[in-house]
N, C-alpha and C. Protein backbone atom coordinates (compact mmCIF):
# COMPACT_ATOMS: atom_id res chain seq x y z
N MET A 1 38.33 0.59 -27.87
CA MET A 1 36.78 1.28 -27.66
C MET A 1 37.41 2.92 -28.13
N PRO A 2 36.50 3.13 -28.81
CA PRO A 2 36.42 4.61 -29.55
C PRO A 2 36.78 5.43 -28.20
N ASP A 3 37.04 7.00 -28.22
CA ASP A 3 37.21 7.61 -27.24
C ASP A 3 35.80 7.94 -26.53
N ALA A 4 35.33 7.30 -25.46
CA ALA A 4 33.99 7.43 -25.01
C ALA A 4 33.80 9.06 -24.47
N LYS A 5 32.69 9.20 -24.44
CA LYS A 5 31.97 10.48 -24.29
C LYS A 5 31.63 10.42 -22.67
N PRO A 6 31.83 12.05 -22.69
CA PRO A 6 31.67 12.19 -20.67
C PRO A 6 30.49 11.88 -20.01
N ALA A 7 30.73 10.65 -19.29
CA ALA A 7 29.59 10.55 -18.79
C ALA A 7 28.82 11.39 -18.08
N HIS A 8 28.65 12.64 -17.68
CA HIS A 8 28.25 13.65 -17.11
C HIS A 8 27.19 14.75 -18.42
N LEU A 9 27.13 14.07 -19.50
CA LEU A 9 26.64 14.63 -20.53
C LEU A 9 25.22 14.34 -20.34
N THR A 10 23.94 15.02 -20.17
CA THR A 10 23.08 15.05 -20.00
C THR A 10 22.00 15.40 -21.65
N PHE A 11 20.80 14.95 -21.39
CA PHE A 11 19.86 14.60 -22.49
C PHE A 11 18.64 15.01 -22.15
N PRO A 12 18.07 15.97 -22.42
CA PRO A 12 16.55 17.07 -21.94
C PRO A 12 15.97 15.82 -22.75
N GLN A 13 14.41 15.62 -22.02
CA GLN A 13 13.38 15.34 -22.67
C GLN A 13 12.80 16.34 -24.20
N PRO A 14 12.90 16.28 -25.28
CA PRO A 14 12.35 16.59 -26.51
C PRO A 14 11.05 17.26 -26.12
N ASP A 15 10.35 18.20 -26.80
CA ASP A 15 9.01 17.84 -26.59
C ASP A 15 8.29 17.27 -27.10
N ARG A 16 6.90 16.76 -26.88
CA ARG A 16 6.57 15.55 -27.25
C ARG A 16 7.20 14.33 -27.81
N HIS A 17 7.96 14.08 -26.28
CA HIS A 17 8.53 12.40 -26.34
C HIS A 17 8.74 11.97 -25.30
N HIS A 18 8.63 10.57 -25.24
CA HIS A 18 8.58 9.92 -24.58
C HIS A 18 10.05 8.91 -23.73
N LEU A 19 10.20 8.42 -22.92
CA LEU A 19 11.20 8.25 -22.40
C LEU A 19 11.08 6.30 -22.71
N ALA A 20 11.72 5.51 -23.50
CA ALA A 20 12.12 4.31 -23.71
C ALA A 20 12.82 3.89 -23.04
N GLN A 21 13.14 2.38 -22.52
CA GLN A 21 14.35 1.97 -21.65
C GLN A 21 13.98 0.32 -21.66
N LEU A 22 15.58 -0.15 -21.76
CA LEU A 22 15.92 -1.54 -21.97
C LEU A 22 16.53 -2.12 -21.03
N ASN A 23 16.28 -2.85 -19.56
CA ASN A 23 17.65 -3.42 -19.04
C ASN A 23 17.80 -4.71 -18.93
N PHE A 24 18.42 -5.18 -18.94
CA PHE A 24 18.72 -6.42 -18.66
C PHE A 24 19.55 -7.25 -17.61
N ALA A 25 19.40 -8.30 -17.04
CA ALA A 25 20.12 -9.05 -15.57
C ALA A 25 20.19 -10.59 -15.95
N THR A 26 21.24 -10.86 -15.46
CA THR A 26 21.66 -12.51 -15.85
C THR A 26 20.89 -13.29 -14.57
N ALA A 27 20.20 -13.79 -14.93
CA ALA A 27 19.63 -14.51 -13.25
C ALA A 27 20.87 -15.58 -13.02
N ILE A 28 20.79 -15.80 -11.37
CA ILE A 28 21.55 -16.67 -11.20
C ILE A 28 21.23 -18.03 -11.27
N ALA A 29 19.99 -18.16 -11.93
CA ALA A 29 19.70 -19.86 -11.94
C ALA A 29 18.57 -19.69 -13.00
N ASP A 30 18.30 -20.74 -13.41
CA ASP A 30 16.75 -20.80 -14.64
C ASP A 30 15.91 -20.26 -13.66
N LEU A 31 15.00 -19.58 -14.58
CA LEU A 31 13.78 -19.03 -13.92
C LEU A 31 12.64 -19.76 -12.82
N ASP A 32 12.60 -21.47 -13.50
CA ASP A 32 12.28 -22.37 -12.82
C ASP A 32 12.88 -22.72 -11.70
N ASP A 33 13.94 -22.40 -11.26
CA ASP A 33 14.58 -23.20 -10.39
C ASP A 33 14.11 -22.42 -8.65
N PRO A 34 14.19 -23.41 -7.96
CA PRO A 34 13.42 -22.53 -6.58
C PRO A 34 14.36 -21.24 -5.97
N ALA A 35 15.36 -20.66 -6.29
CA ALA A 35 16.20 -19.63 -6.08
C ALA A 35 15.50 -19.01 -6.29
N MET A 36 14.89 -18.92 -7.53
CA MET A 36 14.15 -17.85 -8.45
C MET A 36 12.75 -17.44 -7.82
N ALA A 37 12.62 -18.40 -7.00
CA ALA A 37 10.81 -17.62 -7.17
C ALA A 37 10.68 -16.73 -6.28
N GLY A 38 11.12 -16.19 -5.19
CA GLY A 38 10.83 -14.70 -5.10
C GLY A 38 10.76 -13.81 -5.82
N PHE A 39 11.73 -13.80 -6.97
CA PHE A 39 11.58 -13.15 -8.17
C PHE A 39 10.68 -13.27 -8.78
N VAL A 40 10.41 -14.16 -9.39
CA VAL A 40 9.41 -14.85 -10.36
C VAL A 40 7.88 -14.51 -9.98
N ASP A 41 7.30 -14.99 -8.62
CA ASP A 41 6.36 -15.00 -7.80
C ASP A 41 6.11 -13.55 -7.99
N ALA A 42 6.74 -12.47 -7.76
CA ALA A 42 6.57 -11.38 -7.49
C ALA A 42 6.17 -10.49 -9.47
N LEU A 43 6.39 -11.24 -10.17
CA LEU A 43 6.84 -10.44 -11.56
C LEU A 43 5.08 -9.55 -11.99
N ALA A 44 4.25 -10.47 -11.61
CA ALA A 44 3.08 -10.26 -12.31
C ALA A 44 2.65 -9.00 -11.37
N VAL A 45 2.33 -8.96 -9.92
CA VAL A 45 2.19 -8.04 -9.32
C VAL A 45 3.36 -6.59 -9.75
N VAL A 46 4.42 -6.57 -9.82
CA VAL A 46 5.16 -5.77 -9.94
C VAL A 46 4.99 -5.22 -11.46
N ASN A 47 4.62 -5.89 -12.14
CA ASN A 47 4.00 -5.78 -13.89
C ASN A 47 2.84 -4.93 -13.99
N GLY A 48 1.58 -5.23 -13.30
CA GLY A 48 1.00 -4.67 -12.78
C GLY A 48 1.01 -3.49 -11.86
N ILE A 49 1.34 -3.19 -11.02
CA ILE A 49 1.79 -1.70 -10.55
C ILE A 49 2.49 -0.73 -11.59
N ALA A 50 3.42 -1.57 -12.55
CA ALA A 50 4.03 -0.61 -13.47
C ALA A 50 3.03 -0.23 -14.36
N GLU A 51 1.69 -0.99 -14.74
CA GLU A 51 0.88 -0.46 -15.78
C GLU A 51 -0.04 0.08 -15.45
N ARG A 52 -0.48 0.73 -13.89
CA ARG A 52 -1.35 1.54 -13.59
C ARG A 52 -0.44 2.59 -12.82
N SER A 53 0.78 3.10 -13.32
CA SER A 53 1.65 4.05 -12.90
C SER A 53 1.57 4.78 -13.62
N GLN A 54 1.62 6.32 -12.93
CA GLN A 54 1.17 7.27 -13.74
C GLN A 54 2.16 7.57 -14.49
N GLY A 55 2.12 7.89 -15.54
CA GLY A 55 3.18 8.13 -16.45
C GLY A 55 3.43 6.62 -17.57
N PHE A 56 3.01 5.54 -17.37
CA PHE A 56 3.29 4.34 -18.08
C PHE A 56 2.42 4.28 -19.63
N VAL A 57 3.18 4.05 -20.27
CA VAL A 57 2.72 3.89 -21.69
C VAL A 57 2.67 2.64 -22.05
N TRP A 58 3.76 1.80 -22.35
CA TRP A 58 3.53 0.42 -22.74
C TRP A 58 4.89 -0.28 -22.21
N ARG A 59 4.58 -1.66 -22.08
CA ARG A 59 5.99 -2.59 -21.82
C ARG A 59 5.64 -3.44 -23.04
N ILE A 60 6.93 -4.50 -22.88
CA ILE A 60 6.92 -5.73 -24.00
C ILE A 60 6.16 -6.73 -23.29
N LYS A 61 5.41 -7.18 -23.82
CA LYS A 61 4.59 -8.67 -23.16
C LYS A 61 4.02 -9.53 -24.27
N ASP A 62 4.09 -10.49 -23.58
CA ASP A 62 3.18 -11.57 -24.48
C ASP A 62 4.19 -11.99 -25.54
N SER A 63 3.64 -12.08 -26.89
CA SER A 63 3.97 -12.43 -27.79
C SER A 63 5.45 -11.83 -28.30
N GLN A 64 5.35 -10.25 -28.11
CA GLN A 64 6.36 -9.86 -28.57
C GLN A 64 7.11 -10.08 -27.37
N GLU A 65 7.53 -10.65 -26.04
CA GLU A 65 8.59 -10.66 -25.46
C GLU A 65 9.08 -12.13 -25.71
N ALA A 66 7.97 -13.10 -26.50
CA ALA A 66 8.36 -14.25 -26.69
C ALA A 66 9.36 -14.11 -27.31
N ALA A 67 8.84 -13.59 -28.79
CA ALA A 67 9.80 -13.00 -29.49
C ALA A 67 11.38 -12.52 -29.42
N ALA A 68 11.15 -11.65 -28.12
CA ALA A 68 12.37 -10.96 -27.79
C ALA A 68 13.68 -11.90 -26.91
N GLN A 69 12.70 -12.87 -26.62
CA GLN A 69 13.79 -13.88 -25.29
C GLN A 69 14.05 -15.17 -26.57
N ALA A 70 13.35 -14.74 -27.85
CA ALA A 70 14.18 -16.07 -29.06
C ALA A 70 15.18 -15.23 -29.29
N ILE A 71 15.40 -13.74 -29.18
CA ILE A 71 16.70 -13.41 -30.00
C ILE A 71 17.59 -13.17 -28.88
N VAL A 72 17.35 -13.51 -27.87
CA VAL A 72 18.73 -13.10 -26.80
C VAL A 72 19.03 -14.85 -26.81
N GLY A 73 18.30 -15.98 -26.64
CA GLY A 73 18.83 -16.99 -26.97
C GLY A 73 19.25 -17.95 -25.37
N ASP A 74 19.46 -16.78 -24.72
CA ASP A 74 19.51 -17.58 -23.30
C ASP A 74 18.55 -17.35 -21.98
N ARG A 75 18.17 -18.29 -21.57
CA ARG A 75 16.53 -18.06 -20.52
C ARG A 75 17.27 -17.46 -19.26
N ARG A 76 18.27 -17.45 -18.85
CA ARG A 76 18.98 -16.42 -17.59
C ARG A 76 19.47 -15.22 -18.12
N GLU A 77 18.89 -14.89 -19.24
CA GLU A 77 19.12 -13.70 -19.41
C GLU A 77 17.45 -12.91 -19.36
N THR A 78 17.40 -12.13 -18.30
CA THR A 78 15.79 -11.36 -18.03
C THR A 78 15.83 -10.22 -18.44
N PHE A 79 14.80 -9.45 -19.38
CA PHE A 79 14.72 -8.04 -19.84
C PHE A 79 13.71 -7.49 -18.93
N THR A 80 13.39 -6.13 -19.05
CA THR A 80 12.28 -5.70 -19.27
C THR A 80 12.82 -4.37 -20.08
N MET A 81 11.61 -3.88 -20.75
CA MET A 81 11.69 -2.97 -22.03
C MET A 81 10.03 -2.47 -21.95
N SER A 82 10.17 -0.96 -21.95
CA SER A 82 9.00 -0.11 -21.15
C SER A 82 9.06 1.45 -21.92
N LEU A 83 7.77 1.76 -21.91
CA LEU A 83 8.03 3.15 -22.36
C LEU A 83 7.12 4.21 -21.59
N TRP A 84 7.81 5.08 -20.99
CA TRP A 84 7.14 6.30 -19.86
C TRP A 84 6.65 7.53 -20.56
N GLU A 85 6.11 8.56 -20.15
CA GLU A 85 5.45 9.74 -20.27
C GLU A 85 7.06 10.54 -19.98
N SER A 86 7.55 10.39 -18.98
CA SER A 86 8.70 10.53 -18.45
C SER A 86 10.06 10.14 -17.25
N ALA A 87 11.04 10.38 -17.73
CA ALA A 87 12.19 9.93 -16.50
C ALA A 87 11.61 9.68 -15.21
N ALA A 88 10.98 11.24 -15.05
CA ALA A 88 10.06 11.44 -13.73
C ALA A 88 9.42 9.94 -13.57
N ASP A 89 8.46 9.62 -14.29
CA ASP A 89 7.32 8.87 -13.72
C ASP A 89 8.14 7.11 -14.09
N LEU A 90 9.10 7.07 -14.56
CA LEU A 90 9.96 5.88 -14.57
C LEU A 90 10.30 5.69 -13.19
N GLU A 91 11.19 6.49 -12.76
CA GLU A 91 11.50 6.96 -11.91
C GLU A 91 11.24 6.64 -10.45
N PHE A 92 9.41 7.54 -10.41
CA PHE A 92 9.05 6.94 -9.65
C PHE A 92 8.40 5.37 -9.30
N PHE A 93 8.31 4.81 -10.33
CA PHE A 93 7.85 3.74 -10.06
C PHE A 93 9.06 2.83 -9.74
N ALA A 94 9.82 2.94 -10.51
CA ALA A 94 11.21 2.24 -9.81
C ALA A 94 11.72 2.59 -8.23
N TRP A 95 11.76 3.30 -7.39
CA TRP A 95 11.77 3.73 -6.34
C TRP A 95 11.22 4.12 -5.42
N ASN A 96 9.64 4.35 -6.00
CA ASN A 96 8.87 4.80 -4.67
C ASN A 96 7.43 4.08 -4.60
N THR A 97 8.12 2.27 -5.02
CA THR A 97 6.74 1.14 -5.23
C THR A 97 7.42 0.01 -4.64
N VAL A 98 6.65 -0.63 -4.77
CA VAL A 98 7.13 -2.24 -4.28
C VAL A 98 8.43 -2.60 -4.87
N HIS A 99 8.78 -2.24 -6.43
CA HIS A 99 9.23 -2.46 -6.95
C HIS A 99 10.79 -2.10 -6.67
N ARG A 100 11.21 -0.74 -5.74
CA ARG A 100 12.20 -0.60 -5.12
C ARG A 100 12.73 -2.02 -4.53
N ARG A 101 11.81 -2.95 -3.32
CA ARG A 101 12.08 -3.74 -2.85
C ARG A 101 13.63 -4.80 -3.34
N PHE A 102 12.88 -5.16 -4.43
CA PHE A 102 12.77 -6.04 -5.75
C PHE A 102 14.35 -5.29 -6.55
N MET A 103 14.66 -4.12 -6.32
CA MET A 103 15.65 -3.69 -6.55
C MET A 103 16.90 -3.67 -5.79
N LYS A 104 16.18 -3.42 -4.22
CA LYS A 104 17.02 -3.57 -3.56
C LYS A 104 18.15 -4.83 -2.87
N ASP A 105 17.03 -6.10 -3.48
CA ASP A 105 17.30 -7.82 -3.14
C ASP A 105 17.88 -7.63 -4.37
N ARG A 106 18.21 -7.64 -5.51
CA ARG A 106 18.25 -7.68 -7.03
C ARG A 106 19.83 -8.57 -6.88
N HIS A 107 20.87 -8.71 -5.67
CA HIS A 107 21.76 -9.31 -5.72
C HIS A 107 21.45 -10.81 -5.59
N SER A 108 20.19 -11.24 -4.69
CA SER A 108 19.74 -12.23 -4.25
C SER A 108 19.18 -13.26 -5.91
N TRP A 109 18.76 -12.65 -6.78
CA TRP A 109 18.75 -13.23 -7.91
C TRP A 109 19.52 -13.45 -9.05
N PHE A 110 20.41 -11.76 -8.87
CA PHE A 110 21.14 -11.47 -10.50
C PHE A 110 22.77 -11.42 -10.06
N ARG A 111 23.16 -11.72 -11.69
CA ARG A 111 24.50 -11.34 -11.14
C ARG A 111 24.77 -10.25 -11.56
N PRO A 112 25.78 -9.70 -10.57
CA PRO A 112 26.67 -8.41 -10.97
C PRO A 112 26.95 -8.12 -12.53
N PRO A 113 26.29 -6.95 -12.93
CA PRO A 113 27.02 -6.76 -13.95
C PRO A 113 28.27 -6.30 -14.49
N SER A 114 28.55 -6.90 -15.72
CA SER A 114 30.27 -6.32 -15.84
C SER A 114 29.89 -5.34 -16.80
N ALA A 115 28.97 -4.64 -17.94
CA ALA A 115 29.12 -3.70 -18.40
C ALA A 115 27.53 -2.71 -17.86
N PRO A 116 27.59 -2.25 -18.85
CA PRO A 116 25.77 -1.01 -18.31
C PRO A 116 24.69 -2.11 -18.74
N PHE A 117 23.28 -2.02 -17.93
CA PHE A 117 22.53 -3.48 -18.27
C PHE A 117 21.44 -2.20 -18.83
N LEU A 118 21.39 -1.13 -18.58
CA LEU A 118 20.32 -0.39 -18.67
C LEU A 118 20.44 1.00 -19.88
N VAL A 119 19.69 0.82 -20.56
CA VAL A 119 19.92 2.10 -21.85
C VAL A 119 18.33 3.06 -21.81
N MET A 120 18.40 3.88 -22.05
CA MET A 120 17.41 4.65 -21.98
C MET A 120 17.99 5.51 -23.52
N TRP A 121 16.04 6.04 -23.56
CA TRP A 121 16.70 7.09 -25.04
C TRP A 121 15.38 7.59 -25.61
N TRP A 122 14.87 9.17 -25.87
CA TRP A 122 13.96 9.73 -26.36
C TRP A 122 13.21 9.04 -27.39
N LEU A 123 12.20 9.07 -27.13
CA LEU A 123 11.39 8.64 -28.69
C LEU A 123 10.19 9.33 -28.43
N PRO A 124 10.21 9.65 -29.83
CA PRO A 124 8.92 10.28 -30.24
C PRO A 124 7.35 9.64 -29.85
N ALA A 125 6.42 10.70 -29.00
CA ALA A 125 4.92 10.17 -28.52
C ALA A 125 4.36 9.38 -29.83
N GLY A 126 4.10 8.77 -29.40
CA GLY A 126 2.94 7.79 -30.43
C GLY A 126 3.88 6.59 -31.23
N THR A 127 4.86 6.52 -30.73
CA THR A 127 6.20 5.89 -31.45
C THR A 127 6.28 4.50 -30.09
N ILE A 128 6.04 3.47 -30.51
CA ILE A 128 6.30 1.73 -29.91
C ILE A 128 8.07 1.39 -29.76
N PRO A 129 8.79 1.18 -29.40
CA PRO A 129 10.30 1.08 -29.44
C PRO A 129 10.50 -0.30 -29.91
N ALA A 130 11.32 -0.80 -30.70
CA ALA A 130 11.36 -2.12 -31.05
C ALA A 130 12.73 -2.84 -30.61
N PHE A 131 12.45 -4.22 -30.25
CA PHE A 131 13.60 -5.18 -29.46
C PHE A 131 14.85 -4.75 -30.17
N THR A 132 14.66 -5.05 -31.48
CA THR A 132 15.98 -5.40 -31.90
C THR A 132 16.72 -3.84 -32.16
N ASP A 133 16.10 -2.31 -32.13
CA ASP A 133 16.18 -1.32 -32.22
C ASP A 133 17.05 -1.07 -30.55
N ALA A 134 16.82 -1.35 -29.57
CA ALA A 134 17.20 -1.30 -28.21
C ALA A 134 18.30 -1.88 -28.06
N LEU A 135 18.38 -3.17 -28.41
CA LEU A 135 19.62 -4.05 -28.38
C LEU A 135 20.93 -3.36 -28.94
N ALA A 136 20.70 -2.89 -30.15
CA ALA A 136 21.89 -1.73 -31.18
C ALA A 136 21.80 -0.81 -30.31
N ARG A 137 20.89 -0.12 -29.18
CA ARG A 137 21.45 1.29 -28.75
C ARG A 137 22.04 0.69 -27.25
N LEU A 138 21.80 -0.35 -26.79
CA LEU A 138 22.41 -0.74 -25.62
C LEU A 138 24.02 -1.31 -25.83
N ALA A 139 24.31 -1.86 -27.09
CA ALA A 139 25.63 -2.03 -27.53
C ALA A 139 26.18 -0.92 -28.02
N ARG A 140 25.54 -0.05 -28.57
CA ARG A 140 26.42 1.15 -28.78
C ARG A 140 26.54 2.34 -27.83
N LEU A 141 25.93 2.17 -26.40
CA LEU A 141 26.02 2.52 -25.10
C LEU A 141 27.36 1.70 -24.57
N ARG A 142 27.30 1.10 -24.35
CA ARG A 142 28.21 -0.26 -24.33
C ARG A 142 29.78 -0.08 -25.28
N GLU A 143 29.62 0.16 -26.13
CA GLU A 143 30.87 0.50 -26.92
C GLU A 143 31.24 1.82 -27.00
N GLU A 144 30.14 3.22 -27.25
CA GLU A 144 30.67 4.20 -27.37
C GLU A 144 30.34 5.36 -26.10
N GLY A 145 29.43 5.01 -25.39
CA GLY A 145 29.27 5.91 -24.06
C GLY A 145 28.07 6.48 -24.27
N PRO A 146 27.43 7.15 -23.92
CA PRO A 146 26.33 7.76 -23.36
C PRO A 146 26.49 8.89 -24.65
N SER A 147 24.90 8.79 -25.52
CA SER A 147 24.91 9.54 -26.37
C SER A 147 23.09 10.02 -26.42
N GLU A 148 22.39 10.77 -27.71
CA GLU A 148 21.70 10.75 -27.55
C GLU A 148 20.73 9.48 -27.90
N ALA A 149 21.90 8.13 -28.54
CA ALA A 149 21.33 7.54 -28.97
C ALA A 149 21.04 6.26 -27.32
N GLY A 150 21.97 6.22 -26.51
CA GLY A 150 20.93 5.76 -25.32
C GLY A 150 22.25 6.41 -24.56
N PHE A 151 21.29 6.18 -23.11
CA PHE A 151 22.21 6.89 -22.11
C PHE A 151 21.53 6.51 -20.87
N GLY A 152 22.21 6.67 -19.69
CA GLY A 152 21.83 6.23 -18.38
C GLY A 152 21.09 7.31 -18.09
N TRP A 153 20.71 6.56 -16.68
CA TRP A 153 19.90 7.66 -15.37
C TRP A 153 21.19 8.90 -14.86
N ASP A 154 22.44 8.70 -15.16
CA ASP A 154 23.15 9.70 -14.78
C ASP A 154 23.57 10.75 -15.82
N ASN A 155 22.63 10.73 -16.71
CA ASN A 155 23.02 11.49 -17.90
C ASN A 155 21.32 12.49 -18.08
N LEU A 156 20.61 11.70 -17.31
CA LEU A 156 19.50 12.81 -17.02
C LEU A 156 19.94 13.82 -15.84
N ASP A 157 19.07 15.31 -15.82
CA ASP A 157 19.32 16.41 -14.74
C ASP A 157 19.16 15.81 -13.34
N GLY A 158 19.18 16.47 -12.77
CA GLY A 158 19.20 16.35 -11.36
C GLY A 158 19.36 15.22 -10.59
N PRO A 159 19.21 14.94 -9.05
CA PRO A 159 19.50 14.36 -8.22
C PRO A 159 18.66 12.89 -8.65
N ARG A 160 19.29 12.07 -8.60
CA ARG A 160 18.66 10.65 -8.71
C ARG A 160 17.76 10.22 -7.23
N ALA A 161 16.28 9.34 -7.24
CA ALA A 161 15.53 9.23 -5.92
C ALA A 161 16.70 8.19 -5.13
N TRP A 162 17.19 6.95 -6.10
CA TRP A 162 18.30 5.79 -5.05
C TRP A 162 19.03 6.72 -4.11
N GLN A 163 19.18 7.82 -4.63
CA GLN A 163 20.64 8.74 -4.32
C GLN A 163 20.28 9.60 -2.64
N THR A 164 18.84 9.47 -2.85
CA THR A 164 18.01 10.75 -1.44
C THR A 164 16.96 9.05 -0.89
N ALA A 165 16.56 8.41 -1.09
CA ALA A 165 15.43 7.61 -0.98
C ALA A 165 15.99 7.05 0.35
N GLY A 166 14.93 6.77 1.38
CA GLY A 166 14.72 6.17 2.38
C GLY A 166 14.54 5.20 2.73
N PRO A 167 14.34 3.84 3.29
CA PRO A 167 14.03 2.93 3.36
C PRO A 167 12.75 2.37 2.18
N PRO A 168 12.97 0.76 1.47
CA PRO A 168 11.91 1.08 0.80
C PRO A 168 10.10 0.55 1.51
N PRO A 169 9.16 0.90 0.51
CA PRO A 169 8.17 0.70 1.06
C PRO A 169 7.73 -0.68 1.54
N LEU A 170 7.03 -0.96 2.57
CA LEU A 170 6.74 -2.04 2.77
C LEU A 170 4.97 -2.51 1.87
């Protein structure tokens, strides 16, 4: 592994850019297994909340999601890929809606990650991220550490909501 960049680097939002994100999780069972029902049964609701959230721009779904799943090749590897007007908008959705409950209980459905599972990057407004580009950015983050090509929550300015948040919303 080349010399890793310090994790404390920050990457502020450039003018006229949105925040793209890709995150992966490895399910403890196939998605049609009863052990995954609590997660699978909530997907449509959580995705609907995301799509109605302030700052939401786009998320991978339907035929694009099926094509991306074919690239991944493992049915237990689940992912989300979305685009938000700002990091604050994504963070509000992730930590101040019902989505937070699922983050809190993720150990019930997913194996602990052995490498970074989330990559974010700034993308010019009006551009939709490509799944293969997102995979390359995640690989680069894992190999080289944070850079403008890909970074994590710790590379954004200010405290993060999960560090200060109280109990999940009901």
